Amino acid sequence: RRTLPKTVTVAGYTIPVLRQEIPDEQQMFGFFQATSDGAVICVDSRLTALRELAVFFHELIHAIDEGAGLGLRHTQVAGLGEMLAQSLKPHLKFGS
């Protein structure tokens, strides 16, 4: 199984990347959360490897968007995350 990086650096800030089960009632596969104390990217640990990668890229793009002040729409973030994962799929080995 492909593992995500433990951290990413965006705009000079190191952001932890967590894989954990996100309760179903939250109706999401991952999230990026920034506070005055720092930031975190979390991806649901129950996802397939390709879906995990797409969600990770989606949340990473949210982090980049916030760090750079780009003002991307959510549909743009979602599309970019999916396209990044699909473009890398042929070059990665997925165990699940």
PDB file of N, CA and C in Angstrom:
ATOM      1  N   ARG A   1       0.850  -1.196   0.000  1.00  0.00           N
ATOM      2  CA  ARG A   1       0.000   0.000   0.000  1.00  0.00           C
ATOM      3  C   ARG A   1       0.879   1.238   0.000  1.00  0.00           C
ATOM      4  N   ARG A   2       0.577   2.146  -0.887  1.00  0.00           N
ATOM      5  CA  ARG A   2       1.306   3.409  -0.946  1.00  0.00           C
ATOM      6  C   ARG A   2       0.991   4.218   0.294  1.00  0.00           C
ATOM      7  N   THR A   3       1.998   4.797   0.883  1.00  0.00           N
ATOM      8  CA  THR A   3       1.773   5.641   2.041  1.00  0.00           C
ATOM      9  C   THR A   3       1.977   7.098   1.657  1.00  0.00           C
ATOM     10  N   LEU A   4       1.245   7.939   2.316  1.00  0.00           N
ATOM     11  CA  LEU A   4       1.354   9.375   2.076  1.00  0.00           C
ATOM     12  C   LEU A   4       2.549   9.913   2.858  1.00  0.00           C
ATOM     13  N   PRO A   5       3.042  11.080   2.470  1.00  0.00           N
ATOM     14  CA  PRO A   5       4.133  11.665   3.252  1.00  0.00           C
ATOM     15  C   PRO A   5       3.634  12.000   4.660  1.00  0.00           C
ATOM     16  N   LYS A   6       4.539  11.995   5.615  1.00  0.00           N
ATOM     17  CA  LYS A   6       4.169  12.324   6.996  1.00  0.00           C
ATOM     18  C   LYS A   6       3.954  13.830   7.166  1.00  0.00           C
ATOM     19  N   THR A   7       4.641  14.608   6.347  1.00  0.00           N
ATOM     20  CA  THR A   7       4.491  16.063   6.367  1.00  0.00           C
ATOM     21  C   THR A   7       4.656  16.605   4.955  1.00  0.00           C
ATOM     22  N   VAL A   8       4.146  17.818   4.741  1.00  0.00           N
ATOM     23  CA  VAL A   8       4.397  18.584   3.522  1.00  0.00           C
ATOM     24  C   VAL A   8       4.752  20.001   3.965  1.00  0.00           C
ATOM     25  N   THR A   9       5.464  20.706   3.123  1.00  0.00           N
ATOM     26  CA  THR A   9       5.803  22.088   3.432  1.00  0.00           C
ATOM     27  C   THR A   9       5.135  22.993   2.408  1.00  0.00           C
ATOM     28  N   VAL A  10       4.347  23.931   2.913  1.00  0.00           N
ATOM     29  CA  VAL A  10       3.616  24.867   2.062  1.00  0.00           C
ATOM     30  C   VAL A  10       3.879  26.268   2.598  1.00  0.00           C
ATOM     31  N   ALA A  11       4.366  27.142   1.741  1.00  0.00           N
ATOM     32  CA  ALA A  11       4.633  28.536   2.111  1.00  0.00           C
ATOM     33  C   ALA A  11       5.501  28.625   3.364  1.00  0.00           C
ATOM     34  N   GLY A  12       6.457  27.707   3.476  1.00  0.00           N
ATOM     35  CA  GLY A  12       7.387  27.725   4.600  1.00  0.00           C
ATOM     36  C   GLY A  12       6.876  27.052   5.865  1.00  0.00           C
ATOM     37  N   TYR A  13       5.648  26.557   5.856  1.00  0.00           N
ATOM     38  CA  TYR A  13       5.074  25.902   7.031  1.00  0.00           C
ATOM     39  C   TYR A  13       5.042  24.392   6.830  1.00  0.00           C
ATOM     40  N   THR A  14       5.476  23.662   7.830  1.00  0.00           N
ATOM     41  CA  THR A  14       5.409  22.208   7.786  1.00  0.00           C
ATOM     42  C   THR A  14       4.032  21.782   8.290  1.00  0.00           C
ATOM     43  N   ILE A  15       3.338  21.012   7.458  1.00  0.00           N
ATOM     44  CA  ILE A  15       1.975  20.584   7.762  1.00  0.00           C
ATOM     45  C   ILE A  15       1.969  19.070   7.939  1.00  0.00           C
ATOM     46  N   PRO A  16       1.560  18.570   9.111  1.00  0.00           N
ATOM     47  CA  PRO A  16       1.441  17.121   9.289  1.00  0.00           C
ATOM     48  C   PRO A  16       0.349  16.548   8.384  1.00  0.00           C
ATOM     49  N   VAL A  17       0.583  15.335   7.890  1.00  0.00           N
ATOM     50  CA  VAL A  17      -0.405  14.617   7.084  1.00  0.00           C
ATOM     51  C   VAL A  17      -0.795  13.374   7.875  1.00  0.00           C
ATOM     52  N   LEU A  18      -2.061  13.286   8.243  1.00  0.00           N
ATOM     53  CA  LEU A  18      -2.557  12.174   9.049  1.00  0.00           C
ATOM     54  C   LEU A  18      -3.445  11.273   8.222  1.00  0.00           C
ATOM     55  N   ARG A  19      -3.338   9.973   8.467  1.00  0.00           N
ATOM     56  CA  ARG A  19      -4.269   8.990   7.904  1.00  0.00           C
ATOM     57  C   ARG A  19      -5.037   8.423   9.077  1.00  0.00           C
ATOM     58  N   GLN A  20      -6.324   8.704   9.137  1.00  0.00           N
ATOM     59  CA  GLN A  20      -7.147   8.164  10.220  1.00  0.00           C
ATOM     60  C   GLN A  20      -8.576   8.031   9.745  1.00  0.00           C
ATOM     61  N   GLU A  21      -9.330   7.203  10.437  1.00  0.00           N
ATOM     62  CA  GLU A  21     -10.722   7.010  10.065  1.00  0.00           C
ATOM     63  C   GLU A  21     -11.514   8.265  10.410  1.00  0.00           C
ATOM     64  N   ILE A  22     -12.207   8.793   9.422  1.00  0.00           N
ATOM     65  CA  ILE A  22     -13.058   9.960   9.624  1.00  0.00           C
ATOM     66  C   ILE A  22     -14.482   9.452   9.778  1.00  0.00           C
ATOM     67  N   PRO A  23     -15.155   9.810  10.878  1.00  0.00           N
ATOM     68  CA  PRO A  23     -16.523   9.298  11.107  1.00  0.00           C
ATOM     69  C   PRO A  23     -17.443   9.568   9.923  1.00  0.00           C
ATOM     70  N   ASP A  24     -18.267   8.576   9.598  1.00  0.00           N
ATOM     71  CA  ASP A  24     -19.171   8.676   8.451  1.00  0.00           C
ATOM     72  C   ASP A  24     -20.091   9.884   8.537  1.00  0.00           C
ATOM     73  N   GLU A  25     -20.501  10.253   9.738  1.00  0.00           N
ATOM     74  CA  GLU A  25     -21.435  11.373   9.867  1.00  0.00           C
ATOM     75  C   GLU A  25     -20.821  12.700   9.427  1.00  0.00           C
ATOM     76  N   GLN A  26     -19.508  12.768   9.330  1.00  0.00           N
ATOM     77  CA  GLN A  26     -18.869  13.998   8.852  1.00  0.00           C
ATOM     78  C   GLN A  26     -18.983  14.136   7.332  1.00  0.00           C
ATOM     79  N   GLN A  27     -19.325  13.050   6.648  1.00  0.00           N
ATOM     80  CA  GLN A  27     -19.555  13.031   5.201  1.00  0.00           C
ATOM     81  C   GLN A  27     -18.409  13.667   4.412  1.00  0.00           C
ATOM     82  N   MET A  28     -17.182  13.265   4.735  1.00  0.00           N
ATOM     83  CA  MET A  28     -16.026  13.739   3.979  1.00  0.00           C
ATOM     84  C   MET A  28     -14.962  12.648   3.972  1.00  0.00           C
ATOM     85  N   PHE A  29     -14.063  12.752   2.997  1.00  0.00           N
ATOM     86  CA  PHE A  29     -12.978  11.786   2.866  1.00  0.00           C
ATOM     87  C   PHE A  29     -11.658  12.340   3.387  1.00  0.00           C
ATOM     88  N   GLY A  30     -11.608  13.635   3.638  1.00  0.00           N
ATOM     89  CA  GLY A  30     -10.400  14.267   4.137  1.00  0.00           C
ATOM     90  C   GLY A  30     -10.660  15.727   4.404  1.00  0.00           C
ATOM     91  N   PHE A  31      -9.676  16.379   5.020  1.00  0.00           N
ATOM     92  CA  PHE A  31      -9.822  17.809   5.256  1.00  0.00           C
ATOM     93  C   PHE A  31      -8.462  18.467   5.446  1.00  0.00           C
ATOM     94  N   PHE A  32      -8.443  19.755   5.163  1.00  0.00           N
ATOM     95  CA  PHE A  32      -7.317  20.629   5.493  1.00  0.00           C
ATOM     96  C   PHE A  32      -7.854  21.626   6.493  1.00  0.00           C
ATOM     97  N   GLN A  33      -7.150  21.752   7.606  1.00  0.00           N
ATOM     98  CA  GLN A  33      -7.589  22.689   8.627  1.00  0.00           C
ATOM     99  C   GLN A  33      -6.402  23.553   9.040  1.00  0.00           C
ATOM    100  N   ALA A  34      -6.591  24.856   8.962  1.00  0.00           N
ATOM    101  CA  ALA A  34      -5.563  25.809   9.386  1.00  0.00           C
ATOM    102  C   ALA A  34      -6.106  26.620  10.554  1.00  0.00           C
ATOM    103  N   THR A  35      -5.287  26.750  11.576  1.00  0.00           N
ATOM    104  CA  THR A  35      -5.638  27.577  12.723  1.00  0.00           C
ATOM    105  C   THR A  35      -4.441  28.463  13.040  1.00  0.00           C
ATOM    106  N   SER A  36      -4.594  29.300  14.035  1.00  0.00           N
ATOM    107  CA  SER A  36      -3.472  30.157  14.433  1.00  0.00           C
ATOM    108  C   SER A  36      -2.329  29.334  15.029  1.00  0.00           C
ATOM    109  N   ASP A  37      -2.620  28.094  15.443  1.00  0.00           N
ATOM    110  CA  ASP A  37      -1.593  27.217  16.023  1.00  0.00           C
ATOM    111  C   ASP A  37      -0.886  26.356  14.991  1.00  0.00           C
ATOM    112  N   GLY A  38      -1.354  26.349  13.764  1.00  0.00           N
ATOM    113  CA  GLY A  38      -0.753  25.504  12.736  1.00  0.00           C
ATOM    114  C   GLY A  38      -1.809  24.961  11.798  1.00  0.00           C
ATOM    115  N   ALA A  39      -1.466  23.918  11.094  1.00  0.00           N
ATOM    116  CA  ALA A  39      -2.383  23.330  10.118  1.00  0.00           C
ATOM    117  C   ALA A  39      -2.206  21.826  10.099  1.00  0.00           C
ATOM    118  N   VAL A  40      -3.177  21.132   9.514  1.00  0.00           N
ATOM    119  CA  VAL A  40      -3.113  19.685   9.377  1.00  0.00           C
ATOM    120  C   VAL A  40      -3.895  19.280   8.130  1.00  0.00           C
ATOM    121  N   ILE A  41      -3.409  18.227   7.475  1.00  0.00           N
ATOM    122  CA  ILE A  41      -4.145  17.548   6.402  1.00  0.00           C
ATOM    123  C   ILE A  41      -4.476  16.169   6.937  1.00  0.00           C
ATOM    124  N   CYS A  42      -5.730  15.776   6.813  1.00  0.00           N
ATOM    125  CA  CYS A  42      -6.157  14.453   7.264  1.00  0.00           C
ATOM    126  C   CYS A  42      -6.878  13.752   6.119  1.00  0.00           C
ATOM    127  N   VAL A  43      -6.538  12.472   5.906  1.00  0.00           N
ATOM    128  CA  VAL A  43      -7.144  11.657   4.852  1.00  0.00           C
ATOM    129  C   VAL A  43      -7.704  10.396   5.502  1.00  0.00           C
ATOM    130  N   ASP A  44      -8.927  10.040   5.130  1.00  0.00           N
ATOM    131  CA  ASP A  44      -9.567   8.849   5.700  1.00  0.00           C
ATOM    132  C   ASP A  44      -8.745   7.600   5.369  1.00  0.00           C
ATOM    133  N   SER A  45      -8.436   6.825   6.381  1.00  0.00           N
ATOM    134  CA  SER A  45      -7.581   5.644   6.224  1.00  0.00           C
ATOM    135  C   SER A  45      -8.293   4.473   5.550  1.00  0.00           C
ATOM    136  N   ARG A  46      -9.597   4.561   5.334  1.00  0.00           N
ATOM    137  CA  ARG A  46     -10.342   3.454   4.737  1.00  0.00           C
ATOM    138  C   ARG A  46     -10.399   3.512   3.218  1.00  0.00           C
ATOM    139  N   LEU A  47      -9.800   4.524   2.620  1.00  0.00           N
ATOM    140  CA  LEU A  47      -9.885   4.702   1.171  1.00  0.00           C
ATOM    141  C   LEU A  47      -8.940   3.767   0.425  1.00  0.00           C
ATOM    142  N   THR A  48      -9.281   3.486  -0.834  1.00  0.00           N
ATOM    143  CA  THR A  48      -8.344   2.757  -1.688  1.00  0.00           C
ATOM    144  C   THR A  48      -7.126   3.656  -1.919  1.00  0.00           C
ATOM    145  N   ALA A  49      -6.046   3.077  -2.365  1.00  0.00           N
ATOM    146  CA  ALA A  49      -4.808   3.840  -2.554  1.00  0.00           C
ATOM    147  C   ALA A  49      -4.979   4.991  -3.546  1.00  0.00           C
ATOM    148  N   LEU A  50      -5.662   4.749  -4.672  1.00  0.00           N
ATOM    149  CA  LEU A  50      -5.837   5.809  -5.659  1.00  0.00           C
ATOM    150  C   LEU A  50      -6.751   6.904  -5.119  1.00  0.00           C
ATOM    151  N   ARG A  51      -7.818   6.528  -4.435  1.00  0.00           N
ATOM    152  CA  ARG A  51      -8.730   7.528  -3.858  1.00  0.00           C
ATOM    153  C   ARG A  51      -8.012   8.315  -2.761  1.00  0.00           C
ATOM    154  N   GLU A  52      -7.198   7.633  -1.971  1.00  0.00           N
ATOM    155  CA  GLU A  52      -6.418   8.298  -0.932  1.00  0.00           C
ATOM    156  C   GLU A  52      -5.507   9.358  -1.543  1.00  0.00           C
ATOM    157  N   LEU A  53      -4.866   9.005  -2.639  1.00  0.00           N
ATOM    158  CA  LEU A  53      -3.970   9.941  -3.310  1.00  0.00           C
ATOM    159  C   LEU A  53      -4.738  11.150  -3.840  1.00  0.00           C
ATOM    160  N   ALA A  54      -5.903  10.916  -4.437  1.00  0.00           N
ATOM    161  CA  ALA A  54      -6.721  12.017  -4.957  1.00  0.00           C
ATOM    162  C   ALA A  54      -7.174  12.944  -3.832  1.00  0.00           C
ATOM    163  N   VAL A  55      -7.591  12.368  -2.710  1.00  0.00           N
ATOM    164  CA  VAL A  55      -8.025  13.184  -1.570  1.00  0.00           C
ATOM    165  C   VAL A  55      -6.841  13.947  -0.990  1.00  0.00           C
ATOM    166  N   PHE A  56      -5.687  13.301  -0.893  1.00  0.00           N
ATOM    167  CA  PHE A  56      -4.493  13.987  -0.405  1.00  0.00           C
ATOM    168  C   PHE A  56      -4.162  15.192  -1.292  1.00  0.00           C
ATOM    169  N   PHE A  57      -4.149  15.003  -2.605  1.00  0.00           N
ATOM    170  CA  PHE A  57      -3.864  16.124  -3.502  1.00  0.00           C
ATOM    171  C   PHE A  57      -4.911  17.224  -3.355  1.00  0.00           C
ATOM    172  N   HIS A  58      -6.172  16.835  -3.225  1.00  0.00           N
ATOM    173  CA  HIS A  58      -7.259  17.794  -3.037  1.00  0.00           C
ATOM    174  C   HIS A  58      -6.968  18.669  -1.809  1.00  0.00           C
ATOM    175  N   GLU A  59      -6.646  18.032  -0.701  1.00  0.00           N
ATOM    176  CA  GLU A  59      -6.392  18.782   0.537  1.00  0.00           C
ATOM    177  C   GLU A  59      -5.095  19.587   0.452  1.00  0.00           C
ATOM    178  N   LEU A  60      -4.086  19.046  -0.224  1.00  0.00           N
ATOM    179  CA  LEU A  60      -2.837  19.778  -0.426  1.00  0.00           C
ATOM    180  C   LEU A  60      -3.085  21.040  -1.253  1.00  0.00           C
ATOM    181  N   ILE A  61      -3.933  20.932  -2.273  1.00  0.00           N
ATOM    182  CA  ILE A  61      -4.260  22.106  -3.084  1.00  0.00           C
ATOM    183  C   ILE A  61      -4.992  23.148  -2.243  1.00  0.00           C
ATOM    184  N   HIS A  62      -5.863  22.712  -1.343  1.00  0.00           N
ATOM    185  CA  HIS A  62      -6.493  23.667  -0.411  1.00  0.00           C
ATOM    186  C   HIS A  62      -5.419  24.402   0.403  1.00  0.00           C
ATOM    187  N   ALA A  63      -4.426  23.657   0.878  1.00  0.00           N
ATOM    188  CA  ALA A  63      -3.354  24.273   1.669  1.00  0.00           C
ATOM    189  C   ALA A  63      -2.556  25.271   0.830  1.00  0.00           C
ATOM    190  N   ILE A  64      -2.222  24.893  -0.394  1.00  0.00           N
ATOM    191  CA  ILE A  64      -1.484  25.787  -1.293  1.00  0.00           C
ATOM    192  C   ILE A  64      -2.320  27.014  -1.619  1.00  0.00           C
ATOM    193  N   ASP A  65      -3.598  26.793  -1.885  1.00  0.00           N
ATOM    194  CA  ASP A  65      -4.515  27.893  -2.190  1.00  0.00           C
ATOM    195  C   ASP A  65      -4.547  28.895  -1.036  1.00  0.00           C
ATOM    196  N   GLU A  66      -4.664  28.394   0.172  1.00  0.00           N
ATOM    197  CA  GLU A  66      -4.698  29.297   1.327  1.00  0.00           C
ATOM    198  C   GLU A  66      -3.355  29.995   1.519  1.00  0.00           C
ATOM    199  N   GLY A  67      -2.262  29.256   1.378  1.00  0.00           N
ATOM    200  CA  GLY A  67      -0.931  29.843   1.559  1.00  0.00           C
ATOM    201  C   GLY A  67      -0.605  30.899   0.524  1.00  0.00           C
ATOM    202  N   ALA A  68      -1.082  30.706  -0.689  1.00  0.00           N
ATOM    203  CA  ALA A  68      -0.772  31.638  -1.776  1.00  0.00           C
ATOM    204  C   ALA A  68      -1.866  32.673  -2.005  1.00  0.00           C
ATOM    205  N   GLY A  69      -2.999  32.493  -1.326  1.00  0.00           N
ATOM    206  CA  GLY A  69      -4.098  33.434  -1.496  1.00  0.00           C
ATOM    207  C   GLY A  69      -4.683  33.443  -2.901  1.00  0.00           C
ATOM    208  N   LEU A  70      -4.787  32.255  -3.505  1.00  0.00           N
ATOM    209  CA  LEU A  70      -5.245  32.167  -4.894  1.00  0.00           C
ATOM    210  C   LEU A  70      -6.754  32.340  -5.046  1.00  0.00           C
ATOM    211  N   GLY A  71      -7.518  31.921  -4.059  1.00  0.00           N
ATOM    212  CA  GLY A  71      -8.970  32.033  -4.151  1.00  0.00           C
ATOM    213  C   GLY A  71      -9.608  31.047  -5.106  1.00  0.00           C
ATOM    214  N   LEU A  72      -9.085  29.814  -5.166  1.00  0.00           N
ATOM    215  CA  LEU A  72      -9.660  28.800  -6.049  1.00  0.00           C
ATOM    216  C   LEU A  72     -11.053  28.404  -5.573  1.00  0.00           C
ATOM    217  N   ARG A  73     -11.934  28.109  -6.523  1.00  0.00           N
ATOM    218  CA  ARG A  73     -13.248  27.563  -6.194  1.00  0.00           C
ATOM    219  C   ARG A  73     -13.084  26.085  -5.837  1.00  0.00           C
ATOM    220  N   HIS A  74     -14.018  25.572  -5.043  1.00  0.00           N
ATOM    221  CA  HIS A  74     -13.919  24.175  -4.628  1.00  0.00           C
ATOM    222  C   HIS A  74     -13.936  23.229  -5.820  1.00  0.00           C
ATOM    223  N   THR A  75     -14.697  23.543  -6.848  1.00  0.00           N
ATOM    224  CA  THR A  75     -14.729  22.687  -8.039  1.00  0.00           C
ATOM    225  C   THR A  75     -13.359  22.644  -8.718  1.00  0.00           C
ATOM    226  N   GLN A  76     -12.626  23.753  -8.686  1.00  0.00           N
ATOM    227  CA  GLN A  76     -11.276  23.775  -9.253  1.00  0.00           C
ATOM    228  C   GLN A  76     -10.333  22.899  -8.433  1.00  0.00           C
ATOM    229  N   VAL A  77     -10.427  23.020  -7.121  1.00  0.00           N
ATOM    230  CA  VAL A  77      -9.599  22.198  -6.227  1.00  0.00           C
ATOM    231  C   VAL A  77      -9.889  20.721  -6.463  1.00  0.00           C
ATOM    232  N   ALA A  78     -11.170  20.361  -6.518  1.00  0.00           N
ATOM    233  CA  ALA A  78     -11.553  18.964  -6.722  1.00  0.00           C
ATOM    234  C   ALA A  78     -11.037  18.435  -8.059  1.00  0.00           C
ATOM    235  N   GLY A  79     -11.197  19.221  -9.108  1.00  0.00           N
ATOM    236  CA  GLY A  79     -10.731  18.801 -10.431  1.00  0.00           C
ATOM    237  C   GLY A  79      -9.226  18.628 -10.484  1.00  0.00           C
ATOM    238  N   LEU A  80      -8.490  19.556  -9.896  1.00  0.00           N
ATOM    239  CA  LEU A  80      -7.031  19.449  -9.879  1.00  0.00           C
ATOM    240  C   LEU A  80      -6.567  18.231  -9.089  1.00  0.00           C
ATOM    241  N   GLY A  81      -7.187  17.968  -7.947  1.00  0.00           N
ATOM    242  CA  GLY A  81      -6.812  16.801  -7.142  1.00  0.00           C
ATOM    243  C   GLY A  81      -7.008  15.504  -7.897  1.00  0.00           C
ATOM    244  N   GLU A  82      -8.167  15.382  -8.547  1.00  0.00           N
ATOM    245  CA  GLU A  82      -8.458  14.172  -9.328  1.00  0.00           C
ATOM    246  C   GLU A  82      -7.493  14.008 -10.498  1.00  0.00           C
ATOM    247  N   MET A  83      -7.224  15.101 -11.212  1.00  0.00           N
ATOM    248  CA  MET A  83      -6.352  15.031 -12.383  1.00  0.00           C
ATOM    249  C   MET A  83      -4.911  14.700 -11.990  1.00  0.00           C
ATOM    250  N   LEU A  84      -4.436  15.243 -10.879  1.00  0.00           N
ATOM    251  CA  LEU A  84      -3.085  14.898 -10.410  1.00  0.00           C
ATOM    252  C   LEU A  84      -2.986  13.407 -10.092  1.00  0.00           C
ATOM    253  N   ALA A  85      -3.971  12.886  -9.377  1.00  0.00           N
ATOM    254  CA  ALA A  85      -3.954  11.458  -9.039  1.00  0.00           C
ATOM    255  C   ALA A  85      -4.012  10.597 -10.301  1.00  0.00           C
ATOM    256  N   GLN A  86      -4.876  10.950 -11.237  1.00  0.00           N
ATOM    257  CA  GLN A  86      -4.994  10.174 -12.473  1.00  0.00           C
ATOM    258  C   GLN A  86      -3.718  10.239 -13.308  1.00  0.00           C
ATOM    259  N   SER A  87      -3.062  11.393 -13.317  1.00  0.00           N
ATOM    260  CA  SER A  87      -1.847  11.525 -14.121  1.00  0.00           C
ATOM    261  C   SER A  87      -0.691  10.723 -13.539  1.00  0.00           C
ATOM    262  N   LEU A  88      -0.692  10.508 -12.235  1.00  0.00           N
ATOM    263  CA  LEU A  88       0.382   9.729 -11.609  1.00  0.00           C
ATOM    264  C   LEU A  88       0.073   8.236 -11.555  1.00  0.00           C
ATOM    265  N   LYS A  89      -1.177   7.866 -11.699  1.00  0.00           N
ATOM    266  CA  LYS A  89      -1.585   6.468 -11.563  1.00  0.00           C
ATOM    267  C   LYS A  89      -0.726   5.499 -12.384  1.00  0.00           C
ATOM    268  N   PRO A  90      -0.447   5.792 -13.662  1.00  0.00           N
ATOM    269  CA  PRO A  90       0.342   4.835 -14.449  1.00  0.00           C
ATOM    270  C   PRO A  90       1.792   4.679 -13.947  1.00  0.00           C
ATOM    271  N   HIS A  91       2.250   5.595 -13.134  1.00  0.00           N
ATOM    272  CA  HIS A  91       3.651   5.587 -12.699  1.00  0.00           C
ATOM    273  C   HIS A  91       3.841   5.084 -11.275  1.00  0.00           C
ATOM    274  N   LEU A  92       2.752   4.743 -10.615  1.00  0.00           N
ATOM    275  CA  LEU A  92       2.826   4.294  -9.225  1.00  0.00           C
ATOM    276  C   LEU A  92       2.316   2.870  -9.110  1.00  0.00           C
ATOM    277  N   LYS A  93       2.830   2.159  -8.125  1.00  0.00           N
ATOM    278  CA  LYS A  93       2.353   0.804  -7.858  1.00  0.00           C
ATOM    279  C   LYS A  93       1.451   0.864  -6.633  1.00  0.00           C
ATOM    280  N   PHE A  94       0.219   0.434  -6.817  1.00  0.00           N
ATOM    281  CA  PHE A  94      -0.742   0.444  -5.719  1.00  0.00           C
ATOM    282  C   PHE A  94      -0.978  -0.969  -5.247  1.00  0.00           C
ATOM    283  N   GLY A  95      -0.886  -1.153  -3.955  1.00  0.00           N
ATOM    284  CA  GLY A  95      -1.149  -2.464  -3.356  1.00  0.00           C
ATOM    285  C   GLY A  95      -2.621  -2.701  -3.106  1.00  0.00           C
ATOM    286  N   SER A  96      -3.389  -1.611  -2.989  1.00  0.00           N
ATOM    287  CA  SER A  96      -4.842  -1.745  -2.774  1.00  0.00           C
ATOM    288  C   SER A  96      -5.520  -0.467  -3.166  1.00  0.00           C
TER     289      SER A  96
END
